[in-house]
C-alpha atoms as a PDB file:
ATOM      1  CA  UNK A   1     -18.770 -13.817  -2.988  1.00  0.00           C
ATOM      2  CA  UNK A   2     -14.984 -13.642  -2.984  1.00  0.00           C
ATOM      3  CA  UNK A   3     -13.053 -15.781  -0.499  1.00  0.00           C
ATOM      4  CA  UNK A   4      -9.260 -15.772  -0.550  1.00  0.00           C
ATOM      5  CA  UNK A   5      -6.560 -16.918   1.827  1.00  0.00           C
ATOM      6  CA  UNK A   6      -3.244 -15.113   2.130  1.00  0.00           C
ATOM      7  CA  UNK A   7      -1.392 -18.419   1.888  1.00  0.00           C
ATOM      8  CA  UNK A   8      -2.914 -18.972  -1.561  1.00  0.00           C
ATOM      9  CA  UNK A   9      -1.625 -15.590  -2.843  1.00  0.00           C
ATOM     10  CA  UNK A  10       1.991 -15.938  -1.702  1.00  0.00           C
ATOM     11  CA  UNK A  11       4.231 -16.695  -4.675  1.00  0.00           C
ATOM     12  CA  UNK A  12       1.581 -15.881  -7.316  1.00  0.00           C
ATOM     13  CA  UNK A  13       1.193 -12.909  -9.672  1.00  0.00           C
ATOM     14  CA  UNK A  14      -0.648 -11.150  -6.802  1.00  0.00           C
ATOM     15  CA  UNK A  15       2.512 -11.249  -4.643  1.00  0.00           C
ATOM     16  CA  UNK A  16       4.380  -8.097  -5.730  1.00  0.00           C
ATOM     17  CA  UNK A  17       7.849  -7.334  -4.370  1.00  0.00           C
ATOM     18  CA  UNK A  18      10.110  -4.286  -4.411  1.00  0.00           C
ATOM     19  CA  UNK A  19      13.454  -3.690  -2.740  1.00  0.00           C
ATOM     20  CA  UNK A  20      11.918  -2.545   0.565  1.00  0.00           C
ATOM     21  CA  UNK A  21       8.414  -4.018   0.620  1.00  0.00           C
ATOM     22  CA  UNK A  22       6.203  -6.882  -0.464  1.00  0.00           C
ATOM     23  CA  UNK A  23       2.492  -6.566  -1.147  1.00  0.00           C
ATOM     24  CA  UNK A  24       0.013  -9.402  -1.332  1.00  0.00           C
ATOM     25  CA  UNK A  25      -2.861  -8.036  -3.390  1.00  0.00           C
ATOM     26  CA  UNK A  26      -6.019  -9.529  -1.864  1.00  0.00           C
ATOM     27  CA  UNK A  27      -8.543  -7.554  -3.901  1.00  0.00           C
ATOM     28  CA  UNK A  28      -7.858  -5.830  -7.221  1.00  0.00           C
ATOM     29  CA  UNK A  29      -9.729  -3.783  -9.782  1.00  0.00           C
ATOM     30  CA  UNK A  30     -10.741  -6.979 -11.585  1.00  0.00           C
ATOM     31  CA  UNK A  31     -12.684  -8.027  -8.466  1.00  0.00           C
ATOM     32  CA  UNK A  32     -15.033  -5.082  -9.116  1.00  0.00           C
ATOM     33  CA  UNK A  33     -15.307  -3.940  -5.495  1.00  0.00           C
ATOM     34  CA  UNK A  34     -14.443  -0.279  -6.204  1.00  0.00           C
ATOM     35  CA  UNK A  35     -11.238  -0.488  -4.114  1.00  0.00           C
ATOM     36  CA  UNK A  36      -8.228  -2.742  -3.755  1.00  0.00           C
ATOM     37  CA  UNK A  37      -6.953  -4.305  -0.522  1.00  0.00           C
ATOM     38  CA  UNK A  38      -3.387  -5.408   0.174  1.00  0.00           C
ATOM     39  CA  UNK A  39      -1.490  -7.161   2.959  1.00  0.00           C
ATOM     40  CA  UNK A  40       1.841  -5.323   2.809  1.00  0.00           C
ATOM     41  CA  UNK A  41       5.113  -5.853   4.650  1.00  0.00           C
ATOM     42  CA  UNK A  42       7.633  -3.012   4.846  1.00  0.00           C
ATOM     43  CA  UNK A  43      11.151  -4.282   5.465  1.00  0.00           C
ATOM     44  CA  UNK A  44      12.872  -3.131   8.684  1.00  0.00           C
ATOM     45  CA  UNK A  45      15.304  -0.233   8.523  1.00  0.00           C
ATOM     46  CA  UNK A  46      13.913   1.093   5.236  1.00  0.00           C
ATOM     47  CA  UNK A  47      12.656   4.519   4.271  1.00  0.00           C
ATOM     48  CA  UNK A  48      10.215   4.909   1.382  1.00  0.00           C
ATOM     49  CA  UNK A  49       9.206   8.172  -0.305  1.00  0.00           C
ATOM     50  CA  UNK A  50       5.603   7.878  -1.472  1.00  0.00           C
ATOM     51  CA  UNK A  51       3.211  10.194  -3.286  1.00  0.00           C
ATOM     52  CA  UNK A  52      -0.018   8.589  -4.409  1.00  0.00           C
ATOM     53  CA  UNK A  53      -0.840  11.359  -6.854  1.00  0.00           C
ATOM     54  CA  UNK A  54      -3.715   9.370  -8.395  1.00  0.00           C
ATOM     55  CA  UNK A  55      -4.918   7.295  -5.426  1.00  0.00           C
ATOM     56  CA  UNK A  56      -6.298   7.674  -1.938  1.00  0.00           C
ATOM     57  CA  UNK A  57      -4.972   5.142   0.559  1.00  0.00           C
ATOM     58  CA  UNK A  58      -5.935   4.035   4.054  1.00  0.00           C
ATOM     59  CA  UNK A  59      -3.417   1.968   6.020  1.00  0.00           C
ATOM     60  CA  UNK A  60      -3.967  -0.055   9.202  1.00  0.00           C
ATOM     61  CA  UNK A  61      -0.917  -1.405  11.027  1.00  0.00           C
ATOM     62  CA  UNK A  62      -1.241  -4.911  12.466  1.00  0.00           C
ATOM     63  CA  UNK A  63       2.446  -5.614  13.294  1.00  0.00           C
ATOM     64  CA  UNK A  64       5.665  -3.701  13.901  1.00  0.00           C
ATOM     65  CA  UNK A  65       6.817  -0.158  14.578  1.00  0.00           C
ATOM     66  CA  UNK A  66       7.689   2.772  12.369  1.00  0.00           C
ATOM     67  CA  UNK A  67       6.652   6.291  11.518  1.00  0.00           C
ATOM     68  CA  UNK A  68       5.106   8.343   8.764  1.00  0.00           C
ATOM     69  CA  UNK A  69       6.366  11.847   8.024  1.00  0.00           C
ATOM     70  CA  UNK A  70       4.212  14.366   6.173  1.00  0.00           C
ATOM     71  CA  UNK A  71       6.302  16.276   3.665  1.00  0.00           C
ATOM     72  CA  UNK A  72       3.785  19.128   3.637  1.00  0.00           C
ATOM     73  CA  UNK A  73       4.368  20.150   7.248  1.00  0.00           C
ATOM     74  CA  UNK A  74       7.127  17.875   8.569  1.00  0.00           C
ATOM     75  CA  UNK A  75       4.817  16.273  11.149  1.00  0.00           C
ATOM     76  CA  UNK A  76       5.914  12.781  12.213  1.00  0.00           C
ATOM     77  CA  UNK A  77       3.463  10.203  13.510  1.00  0.00           C
ATOM     78  CA  UNK A  78       4.470   6.940  15.189  1.00  0.00           C
ATOM     79  CA  UNK A  79       3.052   3.742  13.735  1.00  0.00           C
ATOM     80  CA  UNK A  80       2.374   0.663  15.855  1.00  0.00           C
ATOM     81  CA  UNK A  81      -0.269  -2.064  15.862  1.00  0.00           C
ATOM     82  CA  UNK A  82      -3.716  -0.473  15.972  1.00  0.00           C
ATOM     83  CA  UNK A  83      -2.645   2.708  14.119  1.00  0.00           C
ATOM     84  CA  UNK A  84      -4.591   3.838  11.052  1.00  0.00           C
ATOM     85  CA  UNK A  85      -3.509   6.608   8.732  1.00  0.00           C
ATOM     86  CA  UNK A  86      -5.385   7.828   5.682  1.00  0.00           C
ATOM     87  CA  UNK A  87      -3.787   9.752   2.842  1.00  0.00           C
ATOM     88  CA  UNK A  88      -6.942  11.685   2.078  1.00  0.00           C
ATOM     89  CA  UNK A  89      -5.203  14.549   0.251  1.00  0.00           C
ATOM     90  CA  UNK A  90      -2.754  12.573  -1.891  1.00  0.00           C
ATOM     91  CA  UNK A  91      -0.211  13.423   0.801  1.00  0.00           C
ATOM     92  CA  UNK A  92       3.488  13.242  -0.054  1.00  0.00           C
ATOM     93  CA  UNK A  93       5.165  11.339   2.764  1.00  0.00           C
ATOM     94  CA  UNK A  94       8.035   9.200   3.947  1.00  0.00           C
ATOM     95  CA  UNK A  95       7.299   5.839   5.528  1.00  0.00           C
ATOM     96  CA  UNK A  96      10.002   4.553   7.876  1.00  0.00           C
ATOM     97  CA  UNK A  97      10.048   1.012   9.205  1.00  0.00           C
ATOM     98  CA  UNK A  98      11.934   0.666  12.493  1.00  0.00           C
ATOM     99  CA  UNK A  99      10.976  -3.020  12.572  1.00  0.00           C
ATOM    100  CA  UNK A 100       9.186  -5.121  10.003  1.00  0.00           C
ATOM    101  CA  UNK A 101       5.802  -3.423   9.489  1.00  0.00           C
ATOM    102  CA  UNK A 102       2.751  -5.396   8.418  1.00  0.00           C
ATOM    103  CA  UNK A 103      -0.013  -3.185   7.075  1.00  0.00           C
ATOM    104  CA  UNK A 104      -3.452  -3.671   5.570  1.00  0.00           C
ATOM    105  CA  UNK A 105      -3.807  -1.114   2.778  1.00  0.00           C
ATOM    106  CA  UNK A 106      -6.901  -0.034   0.856  1.00  0.00           C
ATOM    107  CA  UNK A 107      -6.668   1.970  -2.399  1.00  0.00           C
ATOM    108  CA  UNK A 108      -9.227   4.004  -4.306  1.00  0.00           C
ATOM    109  CA  UNK A 109      -9.274   3.811  -7.256  1.00  0.00           C
ATOM    110  CA  UNK A 110      -8.313   0.142  -7.056  1.00  0.00           C
ATOM    111  CA  UNK A 111      -4.989  -1.085  -8.343  1.00  0.00           C
ATOM    112  CA  UNK A 112      -4.754  -3.508 -11.247  1.00  0.00           C
ATOM    113  CA  UNK A 113      -2.194  -5.567  -9.387  1.00  0.00           C
ATOM    114  CA  UNK A 114       1.293  -5.132 -10.835  1.00  0.00           C
ATOM    115  CA  UNK A 115       1.926  -1.520  -9.823  1.00  0.00           C
ATOM    116  CA  UNK A 116       5.148  -0.468  -8.116  1.00  0.00           C
ATOM    117  CA  UNK A 117       6.251   3.059  -7.228  1.00  0.00           C
ATOM    118  CA  UNK A 118       7.870   5.059 -10.004  1.00  0.00           C
ATOM    119  CA  UNK A 119      10.824   7.433  -9.435  1.00  0.00           C
ATOM    120  CA  UNK A 120       8.417  10.010  -7.944  1.00  0.00           C
ATOM    121  CA  UNK A 121       6.821   7.521  -5.514  1.00  0.00           C
ATOM    122  CA  UNK A 122       3.656   7.333  -7.641  1.00  0.00           C
ATOM    123  CA  UNK A 123       1.552   4.387  -8.748  1.00  0.00           C
ATOM    124  CA  UNK A 124       0.367   4.947 -12.336  1.00  0.00           C
ATOM    125  CA  UNK A 125      -3.296   5.558 -13.006  1.00  0.00           C
ATOM    126  CA  UNK A 126      -4.587   3.045 -15.521  1.00  0.00           C
ATOM    127  CA  UNK A 127      -7.499   3.439 -17.911  1.00  0.00           C
ATOM    128  CA  UNK A 128     -10.605   3.350 -15.717  1.00  0.00           C
ATOM    129  CA  UNK A 129     -12.492   1.316 -18.316  1.00  0.00           C
ATOM    130  CA  UNK A 130      -9.856  -1.406 -18.590  1.00  0.00           C
ATOM    131  CA  UNK A 131     -10.022  -4.396 -16.285  1.00  0.00           C
ATOM    132  CA  UNK A 132      -7.155  -6.820 -15.816  1.00  0.00           C
ATOM    133  CA  UNK A 133      -7.177 -10.153 -14.057  1.00  0.00           C
END
C-alpha cells in the first residue's frame, strides 16, 4: 500500500516547477501502478501549448477557471471545478489559466518524475523497462 501526503512532497524531488506551472508528482512509474498521478497548479494568466505525443492524460479540475483549446478543430472548452477532460487522441492543445488552476492529472504511460515539456510541448518517452525512483 502506498500512502502519501501532498505536504510531504512539496519541496522534494517530486515537486517539479516550470515557468507557468508546478506539479507535485504523487505517483510515478517507480510506484508500479501503471499510471502516474499529479497535483498540478497552472499559474494565472498563462497559456501553455501542450502535445503529449507519447502519453494519454486525464485531467480533473478542483480549483480555478480557465479553458482548453483543441488545435485540431479550434473548439474551446471552459474549465472550472468539477470539469474533466481526457486527451485520448494525443490531442494538441492550448491550456489557458484565467485564475490559478489546480488540477489532478493522470498519465499513461506513467512519468518517471522529472519530465517537463520540450519545445514542442511534449514529455519524452523513457525506456519502458527502466524504472527510476
